[in-house]
Amino acid sequence: MDVRLSVKEKIGFSVGDMAGNFVYQSVVLLLAYYYTDVYGLDAVTVTGIFIFVRVFDAITDPLVGVLVDRNQSRWGKYRPFLMFLCVPYAVASVLVFTVPDFSEQGKIIYAYVTYALLMLLFTATNIPYFGLGSVMTSSVSERISLNSYRFVAATGGGLIVAACVLPLADILGAGDKAVGYQQAMIVMAVLSVILFMICVATTKERVEPLIDENRDAKKEIKQVLKNDQWRLLGLSVLVLVTSQTIKGTLFAYYINYYAKDAGIALSLFLSVWMIGGMFGSSLSNKLTQLMCKRNAWVMLCFISAALSALTYFISASAMMMILVMQFFVGFFNQMMAPLITSTMAEVTDYGELKNKSRQDGLIASFTLFMLKVGLAVGGALATYFLAFYGYQSGGVAQTQETISGILLIFTLAPAVGFVITGLIISKIKLDRTTVVENEQRLQTLRMGNAKNECAYE
């Protein structure tokens, strides 16, 4: 239904992503550093964990997408997953940030198992969350507005992680980093459950698919893979998230080993980036009102690339300049986030017109899989290059070669990725005119007019 959503419902929906980002941003910003400098794993082992979990995801993500698309209950299609899985998801996040009293080999196995479990539950909550945003309204403008609210809250979740987890770990751990991280994540986990339940209680599923019976899972998977607009979206998400994760993974290493002002806390550095991101997310909707969303996304990629590259030339002692630059990197980079999810809904609309079958869950699962591949590839590349440049785990002093390598990969590698992302997005044909036409045709079909119309023949 083409309805205007209330501010209350938009906020209620958005806090669901804040809940998810308590874990997601902890993984992006802290997990590699936690594994090497607190848990005690070497960078090569961490790389192996990241790659293994993505292979695991390749199997589970489409299965979860099929399950979500077929779910029907008195609470709706998507909301029950958030309702019943938010607690296991929260528990898994604590287990990942817990150092067990095991042998070295036992600790490695524990890390593999708990991280894989966390990512499975991340999939099982985020696919339905993505789908929920697509069925709250069919209005293109309302979806963009909804996702602007969502990513302000999501970035707010990242800001809470950046500003609070490390200080909480210091306070609660009383000098023991392992205990501190665990206790801090318990706090984040409890808040996550509360926010997920608020999301469930304040949202409503409205959009009904054109056809929702006699569904063939194998056929639907093929339809998603044949959707040329999804392929471009999926590839752009993969490259973008890989680039962002390389940068996010190396945040802690960059500030701890490159920057010369020890008085600036890591949490402040991360918080500045997140605050910039909150402002960027909030203005994303305004930007798309001024220009075509696709073109805006391309522009933001190139701006982010330029800013990341310029960071390479900032002196290690120029802390104020480093902080200012990271504010603007966060601002322009996070402005892209609402565009991804609203484009995903438009790609779903495109596929529904083409195949007369709506696949919110499957498209969300495949897109989320590409996001998690990017998360893994970015994390693996970051830790691989740390090992390549001779990084030593355990918080010890690093060589100048290692520090130079950290600077290079933190700044220039993401810049290249952002440029490639922009080039891929420029190939998407869902411009403003096409999106509006698709919205109108779907509304006509849902009202029972021209039910046998063939689209995109």
Protein backbone atom coordinates (compact mmCIF):
# COMPACT_ATOMS: atom_id res chain seq x y z
CA MET A 1 0.00 0.00 0.00
CA ASP A 2 1.17 3.51 -0.87
CA VAL A 3 0.78 5.02 2.61
CA ARG A 4 2.56 7.71 4.55
CA LEU A 5 4.26 6.33 7.62
CA SER A 6 4.04 8.10 10.96
CA VAL A 7 7.18 9.39 12.66
CA LYS A 8 6.49 6.94 15.49
CA GLU A 9 6.52 3.97 13.11
CA LYS A 10 9.66 5.20 11.34
CA ILE A 11 11.47 5.58 14.65
CA GLY A 12 10.18 2.21 15.83
CA PHE A 13 11.46 0.55 12.68
CA SER A 14 14.79 2.35 12.83
CA VAL A 15 15.70 1.23 16.36
CA GLY A 16 15.70 -2.34 15.03
CA ASP A 17 18.79 -1.46 13.01
CA MET A 18 20.32 0.27 16.01
CA ALA A 19 19.92 -3.04 17.86
CA GLY A 20 21.57 -4.96 15.01
CA ASN A 21 24.42 -2.46 14.78
CA PHE A 22 25.41 -2.98 18.40
CA VAL A 23 26.79 -6.28 17.11
CA TYR A 24 27.58 -5.42 13.47
CA GLN A 25 29.70 -2.38 14.34
CA SER A 26 31.39 -4.27 17.15
CA VAL A 27 32.45 -6.85 14.55
CA VAL A 28 33.55 -4.24 11.99
CA LEU A 29 35.34 -1.91 14.38
CA LEU A 30 36.60 -4.13 17.16
CA LEU A 31 36.58 -7.86 16.41
CA ALA A 32 39.88 -8.14 14.50
CA TYR A 33 41.63 -5.99 17.10
CA TYR A 34 39.97 -8.00 19.90
CA TYR A 35 41.05 -11.31 18.33
CA THR A 36 44.70 -10.22 17.89
CA ASP A 37 45.34 -8.01 20.92
CA VAL A 38 42.95 -9.41 23.57
CA TYR A 39 42.00 -12.97 22.58
CA GLY A 40 45.58 -13.67 21.49
CA LEU A 41 45.20 -15.04 17.93
CA ASP A 42 47.70 -14.25 15.20
CA ALA A 43 46.57 -12.30 12.14
CA VAL A 44 46.75 -15.34 9.83
CA THR A 45 44.39 -17.35 12.07
CA VAL A 46 41.95 -14.43 12.19
CA THR A 47 42.00 -14.28 8.40
CA GLY A 48 41.12 -17.98 8.28
CA ILE A 49 38.18 -17.48 10.66
CA PHE A 50 36.75 -14.67 8.54
CA ILE A 51 37.00 -16.71 5.33
CA PHE A 52 35.54 -19.89 6.85
CA VAL A 53 32.48 -18.09 8.19
CA ARG A 54 31.73 -16.61 4.77
CA VAL A 55 31.79 -20.09 3.21
CA PHE A 56 29.35 -21.12 5.93
CA ASP A 57 27.19 -18.10 5.06
CA ALA A 58 27.13 -19.11 1.40
CA ILE A 59 25.12 -22.16 2.44
CA THR A 60 22.90 -20.69 5.13
CA ASP A 61 21.94 -17.28 3.70
CA PRO A 62 19.80 -18.48 0.73
CA LEU A 63 18.17 -21.11 2.96
CA VAL A 64 17.17 -18.45 5.46
CA GLY A 65 15.86 -16.27 2.61
CA VAL A 66 13.63 -19.09 1.33
CA LEU A 67 12.38 -19.77 4.86
CA VAL A 68 11.57 -16.10 5.45
CA ASP A 69 9.68 -15.74 2.14
CA ARG A 70 7.47 -18.70 3.03
CA ASN A 71 6.71 -17.74 6.59
CA GLN A 72 3.15 -16.80 7.46
CA SER A 73 1.95 -16.21 11.01
CA ARG A 74 -0.50 -14.14 13.00
CA TRP A 75 2.34 -11.70 13.72
CA GLY A 76 3.18 -11.30 10.02
CA LYS A 77 5.88 -12.62 7.69
CA TYR A 78 8.96 -10.84 9.04
CA ARG A 79 8.36 -9.58 12.57
CA PRO A 80 8.27 -13.05 14.24
CA PHE A 81 11.94 -13.62 13.38
CA LEU A 82 12.92 -10.46 15.22
CA MET A 83 10.66 -11.36 18.14
CA PHE A 84 11.93 -14.89 18.72
CA LEU A 85 15.58 -14.68 17.64
CA CYS A 86 16.70 -11.40 19.21
CA VAL A 87 17.65 -13.11 22.50
CA PRO A 88 19.75 -15.91 20.90
CA TYR A 89 21.40 -13.23 18.72
CA ALA A 90 22.28 -11.20 21.79
CA VAL A 91 23.66 -14.24 23.64
CA ALA A 92 25.83 -15.18 20.64
CA SER A 93 27.33 -11.68 20.56
CA VAL A 94 28.46 -12.10 24.18
CA LEU A 95 29.91 -15.56 23.45
CA VAL A 96 32.05 -14.16 20.62
CA PHE A 97 33.55 -11.57 22.97
CA THR A 98 34.27 -14.13 25.69
CA VAL A 99 37.76 -15.64 26.15
CA PRO A 100 37.30 -19.28 27.24
CA ASP A 101 39.69 -21.09 29.56
CA PHE A 102 40.72 -23.53 26.82
CA SER A 103 43.95 -24.68 25.25
CA GLU A 104 45.29 -22.67 22.32
CA GLN A 105 43.67 -25.07 19.86
CA GLY A 106 40.44 -25.08 21.85
CA LYS A 107 40.31 -21.28 21.76
CA ILE A 108 40.72 -21.32 18.00
CA ILE A 109 37.86 -23.82 17.58
CA TYR A 110 35.71 -21.79 19.98
CA ALA A 111 36.33 -18.65 17.91
CA TYR A 112 35.31 -20.43 14.70
CA VAL A 113 32.11 -21.86 16.21
CA THR A 114 30.89 -18.77 18.07
CA TYR A 115 31.55 -16.38 15.17
CA ALA A 116 29.76 -18.72 12.73
CA LEU A 117 26.80 -18.92 15.14
CA LEU A 118 26.68 -15.16 15.49
CA MET A 119 26.66 -14.64 11.73
CA LEU A 120 23.91 -17.25 11.29
CA LEU A 121 21.72 -15.39 13.78
CA PHE A 122 22.73 -12.08 12.20
CA THR A 123 21.33 -13.47 8.93
CA ALA A 124 18.17 -14.80 10.57
CA THR A 125 17.34 -11.39 12.07
CA ASN A 126 18.59 -9.05 9.35
CA ILE A 127 16.96 -10.71 6.33
CA PRO A 128 13.47 -10.32 7.84
CA TYR A 129 14.41 -6.82 9.01
CA PHE A 130 15.36 -5.86 5.44
CA GLY A 131 12.13 -7.42 4.19
CA LEU A 132 10.06 -5.58 6.78
CA GLY A 133 11.14 -2.21 5.40
CA SER A 134 9.98 -3.22 1.92
CA VAL A 135 6.43 -4.16 2.99
CA MET A 136 5.61 -1.30 5.35
CA THR A 137 4.84 0.92 2.33
CA SER A 138 5.14 0.76 -1.46
CA SER A 139 5.86 4.50 -1.77
CA VAL A 140 9.36 5.19 -3.14
CA SER A 141 9.66 8.50 -1.28
CA GLU A 142 8.45 6.97 2.00
CA ARG A 143 10.94 4.12 1.67
CA ILE A 144 13.80 6.59 1.25
CA SER A 145 12.55 8.56 4.25
CA LEU A 146 12.15 5.35 6.28
CA ASN A 147 15.69 4.30 5.48
CA SER A 148 17.05 7.73 6.36
CA TYR A 149 15.53 7.33 9.82
CA ARG A 150 16.86 3.79 9.92
CA PHE A 151 20.46 4.68 9.18
CA VAL A 152 20.54 7.61 11.56
CA ALA A 153 19.59 5.08 14.24
CA ALA A 154 21.98 2.46 12.84
CA THR A 155 24.86 4.92 12.91
CA GLY A 156 23.72 5.94 16.38
CA GLY A 157 24.15 2.30 17.37
CA GLY A 158 27.66 2.41 15.94
CA LEU A 159 28.31 5.63 17.85
CA ILE A 160 27.24 3.97 21.10
CA VAL A 161 29.61 1.08 20.36
CA ALA A 162 32.45 3.46 19.49
CA ALA A 163 31.90 5.77 22.45
CA CYS A 164 30.90 3.28 25.13
CA VAL A 165 32.26 -0.23 24.56
CA LEU A 166 35.94 0.58 25.08
CA PRO A 167 35.41 2.83 28.14
CA LEU A 168 32.95 0.27 29.55
CA ALA A 169 35.49 -2.48 28.97
CA ASP A 170 38.09 -0.48 30.91
CA ILE A 171 35.70 0.24 33.77
CA LEU A 172 34.03 -3.16 34.05
CA GLY A 173 37.21 -5.12 33.42
CA ALA A 174 39.20 -3.33 36.12
CA GLY A 175 42.40 -3.89 34.18
CA ASP A 176 41.40 -7.23 32.64
CA LYS A 177 40.64 -6.53 28.97
CA ALA A 178 39.09 -9.95 28.35
CA VAL A 179 36.57 -9.56 31.19
CA GLY A 180 35.97 -5.95 30.22
CA TYR A 181 35.03 -6.74 26.63
CA GLN A 182 32.69 -9.51 27.77
CA GLN A 183 30.92 -7.32 30.33
CA ALA A 184 30.60 -4.42 27.89
CA MET A 185 29.02 -6.71 25.30
CA ILE A 186 26.53 -7.98 27.89
CA VAL A 187 25.32 -4.39 28.29
CA MET A 188 25.05 -4.00 24.49
CA ALA A 189 23.22 -7.33 24.21
CA VAL A 190 20.53 -6.36 26.74
CA LEU A 191 19.95 -3.04 24.99
CA SER A 192 19.76 -4.88 21.66
CA VAL A 193 16.91 -7.13 22.85
CA ILE A 194 14.92 -4.17 24.19
CA LEU A 195 15.22 -2.26 20.90
CA PHE A 196 14.29 -5.27 18.76
CA MET A 197 11.09 -5.70 20.78
CA ILE A 198 10.24 -2.01 20.34
CA CYS A 199 10.67 -2.46 16.57
CA VAL A 200 8.29 -5.43 16.56
CA ALA A 201 5.67 -3.61 18.64
CA THR A 202 5.58 -0.39 16.59
CA THR A 203 5.67 -1.58 12.95
CA LYS A 204 3.07 -3.03 10.59
CA GLU A 205 3.37 -5.11 7.40
CA ARG A 206 1.07 -3.76 4.64
CA VAL A 207 2.28 -4.60 1.12
CA GLU A 208 0.86 -7.85 -0.25
CA PRO A 209 2.69 -9.63 -3.12
CA LEU A 210 0.99 -10.11 -6.49
CA ILE A 211 1.36 -13.89 -6.35
CA ASP A 212 2.23 -15.85 -3.22
CA GLU A 213 1.26 -19.47 -3.86
CA ASN A 214 2.70 -22.56 -5.55
CA ARG A 215 6.16 -21.16 -4.99
CA ASP A 216 9.20 -22.99 -6.31
CA ALA A 217 12.33 -22.19 -4.28
CA LYS A 218 14.76 -23.30 -6.98
CA LYS A 219 12.95 -21.23 -9.60
CA GLU A 220 12.88 -18.17 -7.34
CA ILE A 221 16.62 -18.40 -6.63
CA LYS A 222 17.24 -18.49 -10.37
CA GLN A 223 14.97 -15.46 -10.83
CA VAL A 224 16.99 -13.46 -8.30
CA LEU A 225 20.28 -14.44 -9.92
CA LYS A 226 18.88 -13.50 -13.37
CA ASN A 227 17.73 -10.11 -12.11
CA ASP A 228 20.33 -7.91 -13.84
CA GLN A 229 19.62 -4.95 -11.53
CA TRP A 230 20.17 -7.09 -8.44
CA ARG A 231 23.46 -8.38 -9.84
CA LEU A 232 24.72 -4.81 -10.15
CA LEU A 233 23.41 -3.93 -6.69
CA GLY A 234 24.93 -7.06 -5.16
CA LEU A 235 28.33 -6.42 -6.76
CA SER A 236 28.31 -2.79 -5.63
CA VAL A 237 27.45 -3.84 -2.06
CA LEU A 238 30.28 -6.39 -2.09
CA VAL A 239 32.92 -3.89 -3.21
CA LEU A 240 31.61 -1.06 -1.02
CA VAL A 241 31.43 -3.13 2.17
CA THR A 242 34.83 -4.67 1.47
CA SER A 243 36.28 -1.17 1.26
CA GLN A 244 34.45 0.05 4.34
CA THR A 245 35.49 -3.01 6.34
CA ILE A 246 39.15 -2.62 5.46
CA LYS A 247 38.93 0.91 6.78
CA GLY A 248 36.84 -0.05 9.81
CA THR A 249 39.08 -2.99 10.72
CA LEU A 250 42.19 -0.79 10.65
CA PHE A 251 40.69 2.11 12.63
CA ALA A 252 42.07 0.79 15.93
CA TYR A 253 45.48 -0.02 14.47
CA TYR A 254 45.73 3.35 12.70
CA ILE A 255 45.00 5.39 15.79
CA ASN A 256 47.01 3.22 18.20
CA TYR A 257 50.14 2.82 16.10
CA TYR A 258 50.21 5.68 13.56
CA ALA A 259 48.81 8.71 15.39
CA LYS A 260 51.33 10.43 17.66
CA ASP A 261 48.98 11.98 20.23
CA ALA A 262 48.48 9.34 22.91
CA GLY A 263 46.07 11.65 24.73
CA ILE A 264 43.38 11.09 22.08
CA ALA A 265 41.35 7.99 22.95
CA LEU A 266 40.40 5.45 20.31
CA SER A 267 36.77 5.79 21.35
CA LEU A 268 36.87 9.53 20.50
CA PHE A 269 38.32 8.81 17.06
CA LEU A 270 35.62 6.24 16.29
CA SER A 271 32.90 8.48 17.73
CA VAL A 272 33.83 11.38 15.43
CA TRP A 273 33.49 9.08 12.42
CA MET A 274 30.09 7.87 13.65
CA ILE A 275 28.81 11.38 14.41
CA GLY A 276 29.68 12.37 10.84
CA GLY A 277 27.80 9.29 9.68
CA MET A 278 24.69 10.24 11.66
CA PHE A 279 24.57 13.65 9.99
CA GLY A 280 25.14 12.05 6.59
CA SER A 281 22.35 9.51 7.07
CA SER A 282 19.91 12.20 8.17
CA LEU A 283 20.56 14.25 5.01
CA SER A 284 20.42 11.36 2.54
CA ASN A 285 16.72 11.90 1.87
CA LYS A 286 17.29 15.61 1.16
CA LEU A 287 20.02 14.74 -1.34
CA THR A 288 17.74 12.36 -3.28
CA GLN A 289 15.12 15.09 -3.50
CA LEU A 290 17.65 17.27 -5.31
CA MET A 291 19.03 14.68 -7.73
CA CYS A 292 18.56 11.15 -9.04
CA LYS A 293 19.39 8.64 -6.31
CA ARG A 294 21.65 6.58 -8.57
CA ASN A 295 23.67 9.64 -9.57
CA ALA A 296 23.83 10.78 -5.95
CA TRP A 297 25.24 7.41 -4.94
CA VAL A 298 27.93 7.58 -7.63
CA MET A 299 28.89 11.08 -6.53
CA LEU A 300 29.15 10.02 -2.87
CA CYS A 301 31.43 7.13 -3.81
CA PHE A 302 33.86 9.46 -5.58
CA ILE A 303 33.83 11.99 -2.75
CA SER A 304 34.50 9.23 -0.20
CA ALA A 305 37.37 7.96 -2.34
CA ALA A 306 38.96 11.40 -2.52
CA LEU A 307 38.70 11.99 1.23
CA SER A 308 40.09 8.57 2.10
CA ALA A 309 43.04 9.09 -0.25
CA LEU A 310 43.75 12.56 1.15
CA THR A 311 44.00 11.06 4.65
CA TYR A 312 47.23 9.36 3.53
CA PHE A 313 48.96 12.74 3.39
CA ILE A 314 47.95 13.91 6.89
CA SER A 315 50.84 13.96 9.35
CA ALA A 316 50.71 11.56 12.29
CA SER A 317 51.01 14.53 14.65
CA ALA A 318 48.11 16.49 13.10
CA MET A 319 45.47 14.88 15.29
CA MET A 320 42.90 17.63 14.85
CA MET A 321 43.15 17.33 11.06
CA ILE A 322 42.82 13.54 11.34
CA LEU A 323 39.65 13.92 13.40
CA VAL A 324 38.12 16.49 11.03
CA MET A 325 38.87 14.33 8.00
CA GLN A 326 37.32 11.26 9.59
CA PHE A 327 34.18 13.25 10.39
CA PHE A 328 33.71 14.04 6.71
CA VAL A 329 34.66 10.52 5.60
CA GLY A 330 31.94 9.21 7.90
CA PHE A 331 29.50 11.91 6.72
CA PHE A 332 29.72 11.12 2.99
CA ASN A 333 30.26 7.39 3.41
CA GLN A 334 27.24 6.80 5.62
CA MET A 335 25.05 8.98 3.42
CA MET A 336 25.20 6.03 1.01
CA ALA A 337 23.69 3.54 3.46
CA PRO A 338 19.99 4.51 3.06
CA LEU A 339 20.46 4.43 -0.72
CA ILE A 340 21.47 0.75 -0.60
CA THR A 341 18.33 -0.47 1.16
CA SER A 342 15.92 1.72 -0.77
CA THR A 343 17.55 0.54 -4.01
CA MET A 344 17.14 -3.05 -2.80
CA ALA A 345 13.37 -2.46 -2.48
CA GLU A 346 13.29 -1.01 -6.00
CA VAL A 347 15.20 -4.00 -7.33
CA THR A 348 12.59 -6.20 -5.64
CA ASP A 349 9.82 -4.21 -7.36
CA TYR A 350 11.62 -4.62 -10.68
CA GLY A 351 11.82 -8.38 -10.16
CA GLU A 352 8.15 -8.57 -9.15
CA LEU A 353 7.08 -6.85 -12.37
CA LYS A 354 9.34 -9.10 -14.40
CA ASN A 355 8.44 -12.43 -12.77
CA LYS A 356 5.06 -11.81 -11.11
CA SER A 357 6.60 -13.09 -7.87
CA ARG A 358 7.83 -10.92 -5.01
CA GLN A 359 11.00 -12.08 -3.27
CA ASP A 360 11.80 -9.65 -0.47
CA GLY A 361 13.35 -12.37 1.68
CA LEU A 362 15.49 -13.93 -1.04
CA ILE A 363 16.74 -10.61 -2.40
CA ALA A 364 17.47 -9.50 1.16
CA SER A 365 19.30 -12.77 1.85
CA PHE A 366 21.44 -12.54 -1.29
CA THR A 367 22.16 -8.85 -0.65
CA LEU A 368 23.00 -9.59 2.97
CA PHE A 369 25.23 -12.42 1.80
CA MET A 370 27.12 -9.99 -0.44
CA LEU A 371 27.39 -7.62 2.52
CA LYS A 372 28.81 -10.39 4.69
CA VAL A 373 31.19 -11.50 1.95
CA GLY A 374 32.39 -7.90 1.85
CA LEU A 375 32.68 -7.96 5.63
CA ALA A 376 34.76 -11.13 5.47
CA VAL A 377 36.88 -10.18 2.45
CA GLY A 378 37.55 -6.74 3.91
CA GLY A 379 38.43 -8.16 7.31
CA ALA A 380 40.55 -10.92 5.76
CA LEU A 381 42.40 -8.47 3.50
CA ALA A 382 43.02 -6.13 6.42
CA THR A 383 44.44 -8.87 8.64
CA TYR A 384 46.36 -10.40 5.73
CA PHE A 385 48.09 -7.10 5.05
CA LEU A 386 48.78 -6.68 8.75
CA ALA A 387 50.61 -10.01 8.65
CA PHE A 388 52.27 -9.08 5.33
CA TYR A 389 53.69 -5.91 6.86
CA GLY A 390 54.93 -7.81 9.93
CA TYR A 391 52.30 -6.94 12.54
CA GLN A 392 52.97 -8.53 15.94
CA SER A 393 49.95 -9.45 18.10
CA GLY A 394 49.65 -8.67 21.79
CA GLY A 395 49.82 -4.87 21.82
CA VAL A 396 53.61 -4.69 21.39
CA ALA A 397 55.49 -1.90 19.59
CA GLN A 398 55.45 -2.19 15.79
CA THR A 399 58.20 -1.53 13.24
CA GLN A 400 58.13 1.52 10.98
CA GLU A 401 57.44 -0.77 8.01
CA THR A 402 54.33 -2.11 9.76
CA ILE A 403 53.11 1.37 10.64
CA SER A 404 53.62 2.56 7.06
CA GLY A 405 51.67 -0.46 5.84
CA ILE A 406 48.80 0.29 8.22
CA LEU A 407 48.63 3.87 6.87
CA LEU A 408 48.69 2.70 3.25
CA ILE A 409 45.93 0.09 3.59
CA PHE A 410 43.77 2.29 5.85
CA THR A 411 43.67 5.14 3.32
CA LEU A 412 44.40 4.14 -0.27
CA ALA A 413 42.91 0.63 -0.46
CA PRO A 414 39.39 1.84 0.50
CA ALA A 415 39.74 4.78 -1.90
CA VAL A 416 40.24 2.40 -4.83
CA GLY A 417 37.24 0.35 -3.69
CA PHE A 418 34.99 3.40 -3.49
CA VAL A 419 35.87 4.39 -7.06
CA ILE A 420 35.10 0.87 -8.34
CA THR A 421 31.78 0.94 -6.47
CA GLY A 422 30.80 4.20 -8.13
CA LEU A 423 31.56 2.80 -11.58
CA ILE A 424 29.38 -0.27 -10.92
CA ILE A 425 26.45 1.79 -9.63
CA SER A 426 26.56 4.01 -12.70
CA LYS A 427 25.48 0.96 -14.74
CA ILE A 428 22.19 0.51 -12.81
CA LYS A 429 19.24 1.57 -15.02
CA LEU A 430 16.74 2.22 -12.20
CA ASP A 431 16.82 6.00 -12.45
CA ARG A 432 14.17 8.25 -10.89
CA THR A 433 11.76 8.05 -13.84
CA THR A 434 11.93 4.26 -14.12
CA VAL A 435 11.45 3.76 -10.37
CA VAL A 436 8.32 5.94 -10.32
CA GLU A 437 6.89 4.14 -13.34
CA ASN A 438 7.48 0.75 -11.67
CA GLU A 439 5.79 1.96 -8.48
CA GLN A 440 2.71 3.09 -10.41
CA ARG A 441 2.45 -0.14 -12.41
CA LEU A 442 2.65 -2.27 -9.27
CA GLN A 443 -0.05 -0.20 -7.61
CA THR A 444 -2.29 -0.74 -10.63
CA LEU A 445 -1.67 -4.48 -10.56
CA ARG A 446 -2.35 -4.72 -6.85
CA MET A 447 -5.65 -2.93 -7.27
CA GLY A 448 -6.70 -5.64 -9.70
CA ASN A 449 -6.30 -3.66 -12.93
CA ALA A 450 -4.34 -5.18 -15.80
CA LYS A 451 -3.54 -8.32 -13.80
CA ASN A 452 -2.14 -10.08 -16.81
CA GLU A 453 0.14 -7.25 -17.80
CA CYS A 454 3.64 -8.38 -18.73
CA ALA A 455 6.44 -6.11 -17.65
CA TYR A 456 9.94 -5.76 -18.99
CA GLU A 457 9.43 -8.08 -21.89
